[in-house]
């Protein structure tokens, strides 16, 4: 039975109810299909947290490593769907997460002529199934352990890729993958939710 290590770098001291419910459904759905283990870490430096937790996951010799973010909501079949993509030969597979601010899909493609330019996909209508992209977030991303054997450590440290500093540890990681020829695949049919917390005042319109 395949072993998936789920890595959750917590960003806060509490857990969103909807994330907890989706994780519980995911865990129950996995019974008898594949083994899910869970590692978590809490700290102020997200790039260092991801590097630490990946090292712990690799010591468990898993078939796959799945990153989840604690402010997202996932279909219960998420690990199974992404594991099937890895079994087909892909090294990195993910679903689609919307941006909190605009609800646009968090999918990026790099301009080959000017690497410093990173374009956000605003719409993927007309596309379906599994496509290749240059970058996305790190919530709901399954990674084959071989990826980390192909990259130099640290994997997520932002300072190591100055041109991507304003984009965070996610695009730093994918930039390193791109340099060694590791493709990133996204299943457009696998879509996640993103939790939003906002201030509400008397007289505001609910949404």
N, C-alpha and C. Protein backbone atom coordinates (compact mmCIF):
# COMPACT_ATOMS: atom_id res chain seq x y z
N UNK A 1 0.85 -1.20 0.00
CA UNK A 1 0.00 0.00 0.00
C UNK A 1 0.89 1.24 0.00
N UNK A 2 0.59 2.19 -0.88
CA UNK A 2 1.40 3.40 -1.00
C UNK A 2 1.33 4.24 0.28
N UNK A 3 2.45 4.88 0.57
CA UNK A 3 2.55 5.71 1.77
C UNK A 3 2.75 7.17 1.36
N UNK A 4 1.81 8.02 1.78
CA UNK A 4 1.88 9.45 1.51
C UNK A 4 2.11 10.18 2.82
N UNK A 5 3.15 11.01 2.87
CA UNK A 5 3.37 11.85 4.05
C UNK A 5 2.80 13.23 3.76
N UNK A 6 1.84 13.63 4.56
CA UNK A 6 1.22 14.95 4.43
C UNK A 6 1.98 15.93 5.30
N UNK A 7 2.44 17.03 4.70
CA UNK A 7 3.21 18.04 5.42
C UNK A 7 2.37 19.31 5.52
N UNK A 8 2.16 19.77 6.75
CA UNK A 8 1.34 20.96 6.98
C UNK A 8 2.16 21.99 7.77
N UNK A 9 2.66 23.03 7.11
CA UNK A 9 3.35 24.10 7.84
C UNK A 9 2.31 25.11 8.35
N UNK A 10 1.98 25.00 9.62
CA UNK A 10 0.94 25.86 10.17
C UNK A 10 1.39 27.32 10.22
N UNK A 11 0.46 28.20 9.87
CA UNK A 11 0.76 29.63 9.84
C UNK A 11 0.19 30.36 11.04
N UNK A 12 -0.57 29.66 11.87
CA UNK A 12 -1.23 30.30 13.02
C UNK A 12 -1.46 29.26 14.11
N UNK A 13 -1.88 29.71 15.28
CA UNK A 13 -2.06 28.82 16.42
C UNK A 13 -3.43 28.15 16.45
N UNK A 14 -4.29 28.49 15.51
CA UNK A 14 -5.60 27.86 15.45
C UNK A 14 -5.80 27.26 14.06
N UNK A 15 -6.81 26.42 13.94
CA UNK A 15 -7.09 25.74 12.68
C UNK A 15 -8.50 26.10 12.22
N UNK A 16 -8.64 26.46 10.97
CA UNK A 16 -9.96 26.73 10.42
C UNK A 16 -10.81 25.47 10.46
N UNK A 17 -12.08 25.63 10.85
CA UNK A 17 -13.00 24.49 10.92
C UNK A 17 -13.09 23.77 9.59
N UNK A 18 -13.23 24.52 8.49
CA UNK A 18 -13.43 23.89 7.19
C UNK A 18 -12.19 23.11 6.75
N UNK A 19 -11.00 23.61 7.10
CA UNK A 19 -9.79 22.84 6.80
C UNK A 19 -9.80 21.54 7.59
N UNK A 20 -10.12 21.62 8.88
CA UNK A 20 -10.12 20.43 9.72
C UNK A 20 -11.10 19.38 9.18
N UNK A 21 -12.29 19.82 8.77
CA UNK A 21 -13.28 18.89 8.26
C UNK A 21 -12.81 18.25 6.95
N UNK A 22 -12.17 19.03 6.09
CA UNK A 22 -11.70 18.46 4.82
C UNK A 22 -10.55 17.49 5.06
N UNK A 23 -9.65 17.81 6.02
CA UNK A 23 -8.57 16.90 6.35
C UNK A 23 -9.11 15.60 6.94
N UNK A 24 -10.11 15.70 7.82
CA UNK A 24 -10.71 14.51 8.41
C UNK A 24 -11.35 13.62 7.34
N UNK A 25 -12.07 14.23 6.41
CA UNK A 25 -12.68 13.47 5.32
C UNK A 25 -11.61 12.81 4.45
N UNK A 26 -10.53 13.53 4.22
CA UNK A 26 -9.42 13.01 3.43
C UNK A 26 -8.81 11.78 4.11
N UNK A 27 -8.62 11.90 5.42
CA UNK A 27 -8.01 10.81 6.19
C UNK A 27 -8.91 9.58 6.21
N UNK A 28 -10.21 9.78 6.41
CA UNK A 28 -11.15 8.65 6.44
C UNK A 28 -11.28 8.00 5.07
N UNK A 29 -11.28 8.79 4.02
CA UNK A 29 -11.39 8.27 2.66
C UNK A 29 -10.20 7.39 2.30
N UNK A 30 -9.04 7.69 2.90
CA UNK A 30 -7.81 6.97 2.56
C UNK A 30 -7.77 5.55 3.11
N UNK A 31 -8.59 5.24 4.10
CA UNK A 31 -8.52 3.94 4.74
C UNK A 31 -8.70 2.80 3.75
N UNK A 32 -7.72 1.89 3.75
CA UNK A 32 -7.77 0.74 2.86
C UNK A 32 -7.29 1.02 1.44
N UNK A 33 -7.02 2.29 1.12
CA UNK A 33 -6.57 2.66 -0.23
C UNK A 33 -5.07 2.98 -0.24
N UNK A 34 -4.65 3.76 0.73
CA UNK A 34 -3.25 4.16 0.87
C UNK A 34 -3.06 4.65 2.29
N UNK A 35 -1.82 4.69 2.74
CA UNK A 35 -1.53 5.14 4.10
C UNK A 35 -1.20 6.63 4.10
N UNK A 36 -1.83 7.37 5.00
CA UNK A 36 -1.53 8.79 5.18
C UNK A 36 -0.85 8.99 6.53
N UNK A 37 0.33 9.61 6.51
CA UNK A 37 0.97 10.08 7.73
C UNK A 37 0.94 11.60 7.69
N UNK A 38 1.03 12.21 8.86
CA UNK A 38 0.95 13.67 8.91
C UNK A 38 2.09 14.24 9.74
N UNK A 39 2.79 15.23 9.17
CA UNK A 39 3.79 16.00 9.89
C UNK A 39 3.36 17.45 9.87
N UNK A 40 3.65 18.17 10.95
CA UNK A 40 3.32 19.59 10.96
C UNK A 40 4.42 20.37 11.66
N UNK A 41 4.45 21.66 11.38
CA UNK A 41 5.44 22.54 11.97
C UNK A 41 4.83 23.93 12.07
N UNK A 42 5.22 24.66 13.10
CA UNK A 42 4.75 26.03 13.29
C UNK A 42 5.95 26.91 13.58
N UNK A 43 6.09 27.99 12.81
CA UNK A 43 7.20 28.90 13.01
C UNK A 43 7.06 30.11 12.12
N UNK A 44 7.86 31.16 12.35
CA UNK A 44 7.69 32.41 11.62
C UNK A 44 8.28 32.41 10.21
N UNK A 45 9.15 31.47 9.89
CA UNK A 45 9.85 31.49 8.61
C UNK A 45 9.36 30.33 7.74
N UNK A 46 8.48 30.64 6.80
CA UNK A 46 7.81 29.59 6.04
C UNK A 46 8.78 28.81 5.16
N UNK A 47 9.80 29.47 4.59
CA UNK A 47 10.74 28.73 3.75
C UNK A 47 11.55 27.73 4.58
N UNK A 48 12.02 28.17 5.75
CA UNK A 48 12.76 27.26 6.64
C UNK A 48 11.86 26.14 7.14
N UNK A 49 10.62 26.46 7.45
CA UNK A 49 9.68 25.44 7.92
C UNK A 49 9.50 24.34 6.88
N UNK A 50 9.36 24.73 5.63
CA UNK A 50 9.16 23.73 4.57
C UNK A 50 10.41 22.86 4.41
N UNK A 51 11.58 23.47 4.50
CA UNK A 51 12.81 22.67 4.39
C UNK A 51 12.93 21.68 5.54
N UNK A 52 12.60 22.11 6.73
CA UNK A 52 12.70 21.23 7.90
C UNK A 52 11.73 20.07 7.79
N UNK A 53 10.49 20.37 7.44
CA UNK A 53 9.47 19.32 7.42
C UNK A 53 9.70 18.33 6.28
N UNK A 54 10.26 18.80 5.17
CA UNK A 54 10.58 17.89 4.06
C UNK A 54 11.67 16.91 4.47
N UNK A 55 12.67 17.39 5.18
CA UNK A 55 13.73 16.49 5.64
C UNK A 55 13.16 15.40 6.56
N UNK A 56 12.24 15.79 7.44
CA UNK A 56 11.59 14.80 8.31
C UNK A 56 10.78 13.80 7.49
N UNK A 57 10.09 14.30 6.46
CA UNK A 57 9.27 13.43 5.62
C UNK A 57 10.14 12.44 4.83
N UNK A 58 11.25 12.90 4.32
CA UNK A 58 12.12 12.02 3.53
C UNK A 58 12.68 10.89 4.37
N UNK A 59 12.90 11.13 5.64
CA UNK A 59 13.41 10.06 6.52
C UNK A 59 12.38 8.94 6.70
N UNK A 60 11.13 9.22 6.40
CA UNK A 60 10.08 8.20 6.50
C UNK A 60 9.97 7.36 5.22
N UNK A 61 10.78 7.70 4.21
CA UNK A 61 10.84 6.97 2.94
C UNK A 61 9.45 6.78 2.31
N UNK A 62 8.74 7.88 2.09
CA UNK A 62 7.39 7.77 1.52
C UNK A 62 7.41 7.57 0.01
N UNK A 63 6.26 7.20 -0.51
CA UNK A 63 6.09 7.15 -1.97
C UNK A 63 5.79 8.53 -2.52
N UNK A 64 5.25 9.41 -1.68
CA UNK A 64 4.92 10.77 -2.11
C UNK A 64 4.83 11.68 -0.90
N UNK A 65 5.08 12.96 -1.13
CA UNK A 65 4.94 13.99 -0.11
C UNK A 65 3.87 14.97 -0.58
N UNK A 66 2.89 15.21 0.28
CA UNK A 66 1.78 16.10 -0.07
C UNK A 66 1.79 17.31 0.85
N UNK A 67 1.95 18.50 0.28
CA UNK A 67 1.87 19.73 1.05
C UNK A 67 0.41 20.21 1.08
N UNK A 68 -0.08 20.48 2.29
CA UNK A 68 -1.37 21.12 2.47
C UNK A 68 -1.17 22.43 3.23
N UNK A 69 -1.97 23.43 2.91
CA UNK A 69 -1.97 24.68 3.68
C UNK A 69 -3.19 24.69 4.59
N UNK A 70 -3.01 25.24 5.79
CA UNK A 70 -4.08 25.17 6.79
C UNK A 70 -5.18 26.20 6.58
N UNK A 71 -5.12 26.97 5.50
CA UNK A 71 -6.20 27.91 5.20
C UNK A 71 -6.89 27.55 3.88
N UNK A 72 -6.84 26.27 3.54
CA UNK A 72 -7.50 25.81 2.32
C UNK A 72 -8.45 24.67 2.63
N UNK A 73 -9.31 24.36 1.67
CA UNK A 73 -10.29 23.28 1.79
C UNK A 73 -10.09 22.35 0.60
N UNK A 74 -10.00 21.05 0.87
CA UNK A 74 -9.63 20.07 -0.16
C UNK A 74 -10.69 18.99 -0.31
N UNK A 75 -10.94 18.54 -1.55
CA UNK A 75 -11.79 17.37 -1.74
C UNK A 75 -11.15 16.15 -1.08
N UNK A 76 -11.97 15.25 -0.58
CA UNK A 76 -11.44 14.09 0.15
C UNK A 76 -10.57 13.19 -0.73
N UNK A 77 -10.81 13.22 -2.04
CA UNK A 77 -10.05 12.35 -2.96
C UNK A 77 -8.72 12.97 -3.39
N UNK A 78 -8.38 14.13 -2.87
CA UNK A 78 -7.19 14.85 -3.33
C UNK A 78 -5.92 13.98 -3.35
N UNK A 79 -5.56 13.28 -2.27
CA UNK A 79 -4.34 12.47 -2.33
C UNK A 79 -4.40 11.39 -3.41
N UNK A 80 -5.54 10.75 -3.57
CA UNK A 80 -5.68 9.68 -4.55
C UNK A 80 -5.51 10.21 -5.97
N UNK A 81 -6.15 11.33 -6.26
CA UNK A 81 -6.05 11.92 -7.60
C UNK A 81 -4.62 12.31 -7.92
N UNK A 82 -3.96 12.97 -6.97
CA UNK A 82 -2.59 13.41 -7.22
C UNK A 82 -1.62 12.24 -7.26
N UNK A 83 -1.85 11.22 -6.45
CA UNK A 83 -0.99 10.04 -6.48
C UNK A 83 -1.09 9.33 -7.83
N UNK A 84 -2.28 9.31 -8.40
CA UNK A 84 -2.44 8.72 -9.73
C UNK A 84 -1.60 9.46 -10.77
N UNK A 85 -1.51 10.77 -10.63
CA UNK A 85 -0.67 11.54 -11.56
C UNK A 85 0.80 11.20 -11.38
N UNK A 86 1.24 11.02 -10.12
CA UNK A 86 2.62 10.63 -9.90
C UNK A 86 2.88 9.24 -10.44
N UNK A 87 1.91 8.34 -10.28
CA UNK A 87 2.07 6.98 -10.78
C UNK A 87 2.17 6.95 -12.31
N UNK A 88 1.65 7.99 -12.96
CA UNK A 88 1.73 8.07 -14.42
C UNK A 88 3.08 8.60 -14.89
N UNK A 89 3.95 8.96 -13.95
CA UNK A 89 5.29 9.41 -14.32
C UNK A 89 5.61 10.85 -14.00
N UNK A 90 4.62 11.61 -13.52
CA UNK A 90 4.87 13.01 -13.18
C UNK A 90 5.55 13.09 -11.82
N UNK A 91 6.40 14.10 -11.65
CA UNK A 91 7.13 14.26 -10.39
C UNK A 91 6.48 15.27 -9.46
N UNK A 92 5.73 16.21 -10.02
CA UNK A 92 4.99 17.19 -9.23
C UNK A 92 3.61 17.35 -9.83
N UNK A 93 2.57 17.19 -8.99
CA UNK A 93 1.20 17.34 -9.46
C UNK A 93 0.41 18.10 -8.41
N UNK A 94 -0.54 18.93 -8.87
CA UNK A 94 -1.28 19.79 -7.94
C UNK A 94 -2.68 20.04 -8.46
N UNK A 95 -3.50 20.60 -7.57
CA UNK A 95 -4.80 21.12 -7.96
C UNK A 95 -4.72 22.63 -8.05
N UNK A 96 -5.87 23.28 -8.24
CA UNK A 96 -5.90 24.72 -8.45
C UNK A 96 -6.47 25.43 -7.21
N UNK A 97 -5.75 26.44 -6.76
CA UNK A 97 -6.19 27.25 -5.62
C UNK A 97 -6.48 28.67 -6.10
N UNK A 98 -7.59 29.28 -5.66
CA UNK A 98 -7.85 30.67 -6.04
C UNK A 98 -7.10 31.65 -5.14
N UNK A 99 -6.74 32.79 -5.70
CA UNK A 99 -6.19 33.87 -4.88
C UNK A 99 -7.27 34.39 -3.94
N UNK A 100 -6.89 34.72 -2.73
CA UNK A 100 -7.86 35.24 -1.76
C UNK A 100 -8.45 36.57 -2.22
N UNK A 101 -7.61 37.42 -2.81
CA UNK A 101 -8.04 38.77 -3.13
C UNK A 101 -8.96 38.84 -4.34
N UNK A 102 -8.69 38.00 -5.34
CA UNK A 102 -9.40 38.15 -6.62
C UNK A 102 -10.14 36.89 -7.06
N UNK A 103 -9.87 35.77 -6.42
CA UNK A 103 -10.43 34.47 -6.79
C UNK A 103 -9.92 33.97 -8.13
N UNK A 104 -8.90 34.61 -8.68
CA UNK A 104 -8.27 34.10 -9.90
C UNK A 104 -7.42 32.88 -9.55
N UNK A 105 -7.26 31.96 -10.50
CA UNK A 105 -6.43 30.79 -10.24
C UNK A 105 -4.96 31.16 -10.03
N UNK A 106 -4.36 30.57 -9.02
CA UNK A 106 -2.96 30.83 -8.72
C UNK A 106 -2.07 29.94 -9.59
N UNK A 107 -1.94 30.33 -10.84
CA UNK A 107 -1.12 29.61 -11.80
C UNK A 107 -0.26 30.61 -12.54
N UNK A 108 1.04 30.32 -12.63
CA UNK A 108 1.96 31.26 -13.25
C UNK A 108 2.72 30.62 -14.40
N UNK A 109 3.06 31.47 -15.37
CA UNK A 109 3.98 31.06 -16.43
C UNK A 109 5.07 32.11 -16.52
N UNK A 110 6.30 31.67 -16.75
CA UNK A 110 7.43 32.59 -16.82
C UNK A 110 7.65 33.03 -18.25
N UNK A 111 7.97 34.29 -18.41
CA UNK A 111 8.37 34.81 -19.71
C UNK A 111 9.80 34.33 -19.98
N UNK A 112 9.98 33.56 -21.05
CA UNK A 112 11.29 32.96 -21.31
C UNK A 112 12.36 34.01 -21.61
N UNK A 113 11.96 35.15 -22.18
CA UNK A 113 12.94 36.17 -22.54
C UNK A 113 13.39 36.98 -21.33
N UNK A 114 12.49 37.19 -20.40
CA UNK A 114 12.84 37.96 -19.20
C UNK A 114 12.39 37.18 -17.98
N UNK A 115 13.30 36.42 -17.40
CA UNK A 115 12.95 35.53 -16.29
C UNK A 115 12.37 36.26 -15.10
N UNK A 116 12.66 37.55 -14.98
CA UNK A 116 12.17 38.28 -13.82
C UNK A 116 10.66 38.52 -13.90
N UNK A 117 10.09 38.38 -15.07
CA UNK A 117 8.66 38.62 -15.21
C UNK A 117 7.89 37.34 -14.94
N UNK A 118 6.92 37.42 -14.07
CA UNK A 118 6.09 36.27 -13.74
C UNK A 118 4.64 36.66 -13.98
N UNK A 119 3.97 35.95 -14.85
CA UNK A 119 2.60 36.28 -15.23
C UNK A 119 1.61 35.39 -14.50
N UNK A 120 0.59 35.98 -13.92
CA UNK A 120 -0.48 35.24 -13.27
C UNK A 120 -1.55 34.90 -14.27
N UNK A 121 -1.99 33.65 -14.30
CA UNK A 121 -3.12 33.27 -15.14
C UNK A 121 -4.37 33.88 -14.53
N UNK A 122 -5.12 34.61 -15.30
CA UNK A 122 -6.35 35.20 -14.79
C UNK A 122 -7.57 34.35 -15.11
N UNK A 123 -7.42 33.44 -16.05
CA UNK A 123 -8.58 32.66 -16.50
C UNK A 123 -8.07 31.41 -17.20
N UNK A 124 -8.64 30.24 -16.89
CA UNK A 124 -8.23 29.05 -17.64
C UNK A 124 -9.40 28.40 -18.35
N UNK A 125 -10.45 29.18 -18.64
CA UNK A 125 -11.54 28.63 -19.42
C UNK A 125 -11.02 28.22 -20.80
N UNK A 126 -11.49 27.10 -21.29
CA UNK A 126 -10.99 26.57 -22.55
C UNK A 126 -9.91 25.54 -22.34
N UNK A 127 -9.38 25.49 -21.12
CA UNK A 127 -8.41 24.45 -20.77
C UNK A 127 -9.06 23.47 -19.81
N UNK A 128 -8.69 22.23 -19.91
CA UNK A 128 -9.21 21.22 -18.99
C UNK A 128 -8.20 20.10 -18.85
N UNK A 129 -8.43 19.25 -17.86
CA UNK A 129 -7.53 18.13 -17.64
C UNK A 129 -6.24 18.57 -16.98
N UNK A 130 -5.14 17.94 -17.38
CA UNK A 130 -3.84 18.18 -16.75
C UNK A 130 -2.95 18.99 -17.69
N UNK A 131 -2.45 20.10 -17.20
CA UNK A 131 -1.58 20.97 -18.01
C UNK A 131 -0.29 21.26 -17.25
N UNK A 132 0.71 21.70 -18.00
CA UNK A 132 2.00 22.06 -17.40
C UNK A 132 2.07 23.56 -17.18
N UNK A 133 2.53 23.97 -15.99
CA UNK A 133 2.72 25.38 -15.67
C UNK A 133 4.11 25.56 -15.10
N UNK A 134 4.48 26.83 -14.88
CA UNK A 134 5.80 27.10 -14.30
C UNK A 134 5.75 27.30 -12.79
N UNK A 135 4.59 27.65 -12.27
CA UNK A 135 4.50 27.87 -10.84
C UNK A 135 3.08 28.00 -10.35
N UNK A 136 2.91 27.79 -9.06
CA UNK A 136 1.63 27.91 -8.38
C UNK A 136 1.90 27.97 -6.89
N UNK A 137 0.85 27.98 -6.07
CA UNK A 137 1.07 27.92 -4.63
C UNK A 137 1.54 26.54 -4.21
N UNK A 138 1.72 26.36 -2.91
CA UNK A 138 2.20 25.06 -2.41
C UNK A 138 1.14 24.33 -1.59
N UNK A 139 -0.10 24.80 -1.60
CA UNK A 139 -1.18 24.09 -0.94
C UNK A 139 -1.85 23.12 -1.89
N UNK A 140 -1.86 21.83 -1.53
CA UNK A 140 -2.44 20.83 -2.41
C UNK A 140 -1.51 20.42 -3.52
N UNK A 141 -0.23 20.27 -3.18
CA UNK A 141 0.81 19.90 -4.16
C UNK A 141 1.47 18.61 -3.71
N UNK A 142 1.46 17.61 -4.60
CA UNK A 142 2.12 16.34 -4.30
C UNK A 142 3.44 16.27 -5.05
N UNK A 143 4.48 15.86 -4.32
CA UNK A 143 5.84 15.86 -4.85
C UNK A 143 6.46 14.49 -4.66
N UNK A 144 7.03 13.96 -5.74
CA UNK A 144 7.75 12.68 -5.63
C UNK A 144 9.06 12.93 -4.87
N UNK A 145 9.44 12.03 -3.96
CA UNK A 145 10.69 12.23 -3.20
C UNK A 145 11.92 12.43 -4.08
N UNK A 146 11.91 11.86 -5.28
CA UNK A 146 13.07 12.02 -6.17
C UNK A 146 13.36 13.47 -6.49
N UNK A 147 12.33 14.32 -6.44
CA UNK A 147 12.54 15.74 -6.73
C UNK A 147 13.59 16.32 -5.79
N UNK A 148 13.53 15.96 -4.53
CA UNK A 148 14.43 16.53 -3.55
C UNK A 148 15.84 15.94 -3.65
N UNK A 149 15.97 14.82 -4.34
CA UNK A 149 17.30 14.27 -4.59
C UNK A 149 17.94 14.92 -5.80
N UNK A 150 17.13 15.58 -6.63
CA UNK A 150 17.64 16.25 -7.83
C UNK A 150 18.00 17.71 -7.55
N UNK A 151 17.48 18.28 -6.46
CA UNK A 151 17.70 19.69 -6.14
C UNK A 151 18.77 19.84 -5.06
N UNK A 152 19.44 20.98 -5.08
CA UNK A 152 20.37 21.32 -4.00
C UNK A 152 19.59 21.84 -2.81
N UNK A 153 20.05 21.50 -1.62
CA UNK A 153 19.44 22.00 -0.38
C UNK A 153 20.06 23.34 -0.03
N UNK A 154 19.29 24.30 0.50
CA UNK A 154 17.87 24.25 0.84
C UNK A 154 16.97 24.38 -0.39
N UNK A 155 15.79 23.79 -0.30
CA UNK A 155 14.88 23.73 -1.44
C UNK A 155 14.00 24.97 -1.57
N UNK A 156 13.66 25.60 -0.44
CA UNK A 156 12.66 26.66 -0.44
C UNK A 156 13.20 28.03 -0.01
N UNK A 157 14.48 28.10 0.34
CA UNK A 157 15.04 29.33 0.90
C UNK A 157 14.97 30.47 -0.11
N UNK A 158 14.24 31.51 0.24
CA UNK A 158 13.95 32.58 -0.70
C UNK A 158 15.21 33.32 -1.14
N UNK A 159 16.16 33.53 -0.24
CA UNK A 159 17.36 34.29 -0.57
C UNK A 159 18.17 33.66 -1.70
N UNK A 160 17.98 32.37 -1.91
CA UNK A 160 18.75 31.67 -2.93
C UNK A 160 18.29 32.00 -4.35
N UNK A 161 17.15 32.68 -4.48
CA UNK A 161 16.66 33.06 -5.81
C UNK A 161 16.15 34.50 -5.72
N UNK A 162 17.06 35.48 -5.72
CA UNK A 162 16.67 36.87 -5.49
C UNK A 162 15.59 37.38 -6.44
N UNK A 163 15.59 36.92 -7.68
CA UNK A 163 14.63 37.44 -8.65
C UNK A 163 13.19 37.07 -8.29
N UNK A 164 13.02 36.08 -7.40
CA UNK A 164 11.67 35.65 -7.04
C UNK A 164 11.30 36.04 -5.62
N UNK A 165 12.08 36.91 -4.99
CA UNK A 165 11.85 37.21 -3.58
C UNK A 165 10.44 37.72 -3.31
N UNK A 166 9.91 38.56 -4.18
CA UNK A 166 8.60 39.14 -3.90
C UNK A 166 7.47 38.13 -4.09
N UNK A 167 7.81 36.93 -4.55
CA UNK A 167 6.79 35.91 -4.78
C UNK A 167 6.80 34.80 -3.74
N UNK A 168 7.78 34.77 -2.86
CA UNK A 168 7.76 33.80 -1.79
C UNK A 168 8.48 32.50 -2.09
N UNK A 169 8.38 31.59 -1.12
CA UNK A 169 9.12 30.32 -1.20
C UNK A 169 8.56 29.38 -2.24
N UNK A 170 7.29 29.56 -2.64
CA UNK A 170 6.69 28.67 -3.61
C UNK A 170 7.37 28.81 -4.98
N UNK A 171 7.43 30.04 -5.51
CA UNK A 171 8.06 30.21 -6.81
C UNK A 171 9.57 30.05 -6.76
N UNK A 172 10.17 30.27 -5.60
CA UNK A 172 11.59 29.95 -5.44
C UNK A 172 11.81 28.46 -5.70
N UNK A 173 10.96 27.62 -5.11
CA UNK A 173 11.06 26.17 -5.28
C UNK A 173 10.85 25.78 -6.74
N UNK A 174 9.81 26.32 -7.36
CA UNK A 174 9.52 25.93 -8.74
C UNK A 174 10.59 26.44 -9.71
N UNK A 175 11.20 27.58 -9.40
CA UNK A 175 12.29 28.08 -10.24
C UNK A 175 13.46 27.11 -10.22
N UNK A 176 13.74 26.54 -9.04
CA UNK A 176 14.82 25.56 -8.94
C UNK A 176 14.48 24.28 -9.70
N UNK A 177 13.21 23.88 -9.64
CA UNK A 177 12.77 22.70 -10.40
C UNK A 177 12.94 22.93 -11.89
N UNK A 178 12.55 24.11 -12.34
CA UNK A 178 12.64 24.43 -13.76
C UNK A 178 14.08 24.35 -14.26
N UNK A 179 15.01 24.80 -13.43
CA UNK A 179 16.42 24.82 -13.84
C UNK A 179 16.99 23.43 -14.04
N UNK A 180 16.43 22.42 -13.35
CA UNK A 180 16.94 21.06 -13.50
C UNK A 180 15.99 20.20 -14.35
N UNK A 181 15.01 20.83 -14.99
CA UNK A 181 14.15 20.11 -15.93
C UNK A 181 13.01 19.34 -15.31
N UNK A 182 12.59 19.71 -14.10
CA UNK A 182 11.45 19.06 -13.45
C UNK A 182 10.18 19.83 -13.79
N UNK A 183 9.22 19.17 -14.44
CA UNK A 183 7.98 19.81 -14.83
C UNK A 183 6.97 19.84 -13.69
N UNK A 184 6.11 20.86 -13.72
CA UNK A 184 5.05 21.03 -12.73
C UNK A 184 3.71 20.88 -13.44
N UNK A 185 2.87 19.98 -12.95
CA UNK A 185 1.60 19.67 -13.60
C UNK A 185 0.43 20.03 -12.69
N UNK A 186 -0.62 20.55 -13.30
CA UNK A 186 -1.81 20.95 -12.56
C UNK A 186 -3.04 20.28 -13.17
N UNK A 187 -3.85 19.68 -12.30
CA UNK A 187 -5.12 19.10 -12.72
C UNK A 187 -6.19 20.17 -12.56
N UNK A 188 -6.66 20.72 -13.67
CA UNK A 188 -7.62 21.82 -13.62
C UNK A 188 -8.98 21.38 -13.11
N UNK A 189 -9.22 20.08 -13.08
CA UNK A 189 -10.48 19.56 -12.57
C UNK A 189 -10.47 19.37 -11.05
N UNK A 190 -9.30 19.50 -10.45
CA UNK A 190 -9.14 19.37 -9.00
C UNK A 190 -8.99 20.76 -8.42
N UNK A 191 -10.07 21.30 -7.86
CA UNK A 191 -10.06 22.68 -7.39
C UNK A 191 -10.27 22.76 -5.89
N UNK A 192 -9.52 23.66 -5.26
CA UNK A 192 -9.53 23.82 -3.81
C UNK A 192 -10.20 25.13 -3.41
N UNK A 193 -10.60 25.22 -2.14
CA UNK A 193 -11.09 26.46 -1.59
C UNK A 193 -10.01 27.16 -0.80
N UNK A 194 -10.17 28.47 -0.61
CA UNK A 194 -9.20 29.27 0.13
C UNK A 194 -9.96 30.06 1.18
N UNK A 195 -9.59 29.93 2.44
CA UNK A 195 -10.31 30.58 3.52
C UNK A 195 -9.93 32.06 3.60
N UNK A 196 -10.95 32.91 3.85
CA UNK A 196 -10.74 34.35 3.94
C UNK A 196 -11.33 34.85 5.26
N UNK A 197 -10.55 35.62 5.99
CA UNK A 197 -11.05 36.27 7.20
C UNK A 197 -11.07 37.78 6.96
N UNK A 198 -12.21 38.42 7.23
CA UNK A 198 -12.29 39.86 6.99
C UNK A 198 -13.09 40.52 8.10
N UNK A 199 -12.85 41.80 8.27
CA UNK A 199 -13.60 42.58 9.26
C UNK A 199 -14.99 42.90 8.73
N UNK A 200 -15.98 42.80 9.59
CA UNK A 200 -17.35 43.14 9.24
C UNK A 200 -17.83 44.26 10.16
N UNK A 201 -18.46 45.31 9.60
CA UNK A 201 -18.98 46.42 10.38
C UNK A 201 -20.48 46.54 10.17
N UNK A 202 -21.17 47.17 11.11
CA UNK A 202 -22.61 47.37 11.00
C UNK A 202 -22.92 48.11 9.70
N UNK A 203 -23.87 47.57 8.96
CA UNK A 203 -24.26 48.19 7.70
C UNK A 203 -23.58 47.58 6.49
N UNK A 204 -22.51 46.74 6.72
CA UNK A 204 -21.86 46.08 5.58
C UNK A 204 -22.78 45.06 4.97
N UNK A 205 -22.57 44.83 3.68
CA UNK A 205 -23.33 43.79 2.99
C UNK A 205 -22.65 42.45 3.20
N UNK A 206 -23.36 41.43 3.67
CA UNK A 206 -22.74 40.11 3.84
C UNK A 206 -22.42 39.50 2.49
N UNK A 207 -21.43 38.63 2.47
CA UNK A 207 -21.10 37.91 1.23
C UNK A 207 -20.60 36.53 1.58
